Amino acid sequence: MRTELVTTLKRQATELLAELERDREPILITQHGLPSAYLVDVASFEKLQQRMTLLEGIARGERALEEGRTLTQSQAKTRMARWLK
């Protein structure tokens, strides 16, 4: 991953965005020598958001299993039938 100063972002934003779109490699922006932000292209960001949503759903399901919040197949069918009408 590439690292750039915030001043580089200010001065060369158009060029950095063009490279970002072309290479699809995130850029770490630093300010005063410390990490400040990541610059990512839109497609990669949206893919990350989709993955995060999926992982959060899996985590909720695992918690439900641990807590004993489960349904039988017939109970699940009944609930799903209500949603699909």
Protein backbone atom coordinates (compact mmCIF):
# COMPACT_ATOMS: atom_id res chain seq x y z
CA MET A 1 0.00 0.00 0.00
CA ARG A 2 1.16 3.44 -0.88
CA THR A 3 1.51 6.28 1.62
CA GLU A 4 1.17 9.97 0.79
CA LEU A 5 1.31 13.18 2.80
CA VAL A 6 -1.84 15.23 3.19
CA THR A 7 -0.02 18.07 1.41
CA THR A 8 0.46 15.78 -1.61
CA LEU A 9 -3.27 15.12 -1.58
CA LYS A 10 -3.96 18.85 -1.50
CA ARG A 11 -1.59 19.60 -4.37
CA GLN A 12 -2.13 16.55 -6.57
CA ALA A 13 -5.69 15.40 -5.83
CA THR A 14 -6.65 14.93 -9.47
CA GLU A 15 -3.57 12.84 -10.22
CA LEU A 16 -3.96 10.73 -7.08
CA LEU A 17 -7.60 10.05 -7.88
CA ALA A 18 -6.73 9.03 -11.44
CA GLU A 19 -4.06 6.63 -10.14
CA LEU A 20 -6.46 5.30 -7.54
CA GLU A 21 -9.09 4.56 -10.18
CA ARG A 22 -6.52 2.94 -12.47
CA ASP A 23 -4.57 0.87 -9.90
CA ARG A 24 -7.32 0.23 -7.33
CA GLU A 25 -4.63 0.32 -4.63
CA PRO A 26 -5.62 2.15 -1.41
CA ILE A 27 -3.53 5.15 -0.43
CA LEU A 28 -2.78 5.90 3.22
CA ILE A 29 -2.84 9.64 3.88
CA THR A 30 -0.65 10.86 6.72
CA GLN A 31 -0.80 14.15 8.57
CA HIS A 32 2.04 15.27 10.84
CA GLY A 33 3.61 11.84 10.34
CA LEU A 34 0.56 9.95 11.60
CA PRO A 35 -2.02 7.93 9.66
CA SER A 36 -5.03 10.14 9.01
CA ALA A 37 -7.21 8.50 6.34
CA TYR A 38 -7.36 5.91 3.61
CA LEU A 39 -8.23 6.84 0.06
CA VAL A 40 -9.97 4.01 -1.81
CA ASP A 41 -11.77 3.84 -5.13
CA VAL A 42 -15.56 3.65 -5.14
CA ALA A 43 -15.84 0.06 -6.41
CA SER A 44 -13.45 -1.26 -3.76
CA PHE A 45 -15.22 0.69 -1.01
CA GLU A 46 -18.63 -0.66 -2.06
CA LYS A 47 -17.25 -4.21 -2.15
CA LEU A 48 -15.84 -3.74 1.36
CA GLN A 49 -19.23 -2.46 2.56
CA GLN A 50 -20.97 -5.52 1.11
CA ARG A 51 -18.47 -7.84 2.78
CA MET A 52 -18.90 -6.04 6.11
CA THR A 53 -22.69 -6.38 5.88
CA LEU A 54 -22.35 -10.11 5.19
CA LEU A 55 -19.90 -10.61 8.07
CA GLU A 56 -22.15 -8.68 10.46
CA GLY A 57 -25.06 -10.94 9.48
CA ILE A 58 -22.96 -14.04 10.12
CA ALA A 59 -21.90 -12.66 13.52
CA ARG A 60 -25.56 -11.98 14.45
CA GLY A 61 -26.43 -15.54 13.46
CA GLU A 62 -23.60 -16.97 15.55
CA ARG A 63 -24.72 -14.91 18.56
CA ALA A 64 -28.29 -16.14 18.11
CA LEU A 65 -27.05 -19.74 18.12
CA GLU A 66 -24.98 -19.16 21.26
CA GLU A 67 -27.99 -17.60 22.98
CA GLY A 68 -30.31 -20.40 21.89
CA ARG A 69 -32.44 -18.13 19.71
CA THR A 70 -33.19 -20.67 17.00
CA LEU A 71 -36.27 -21.84 15.11
CA THR A 72 -37.42 -25.18 13.86
CA GLN A 73 -37.74 -25.58 10.10
CA SER A 74 -41.54 -25.29 10.25
CA GLN A 75 -41.32 -22.11 12.36
CA ALA A 76 -38.85 -20.62 9.90
CA LYS A 77 -41.09 -21.55 6.94
CA THR A 78 -44.07 -19.86 8.61
CA ARG A 79 -42.10 -16.65 9.21
CA MET A 80 -40.67 -16.62 5.69
CA ALA A 81 -44.10 -17.21 4.17
CA ARG A 82 -45.34 -14.02 5.85
CA TRP A 83 -42.44 -12.02 4.36
CA LEU A 84 -42.83 -13.44 0.87
CA LYS A 85 -46.56 -12.60 0.47
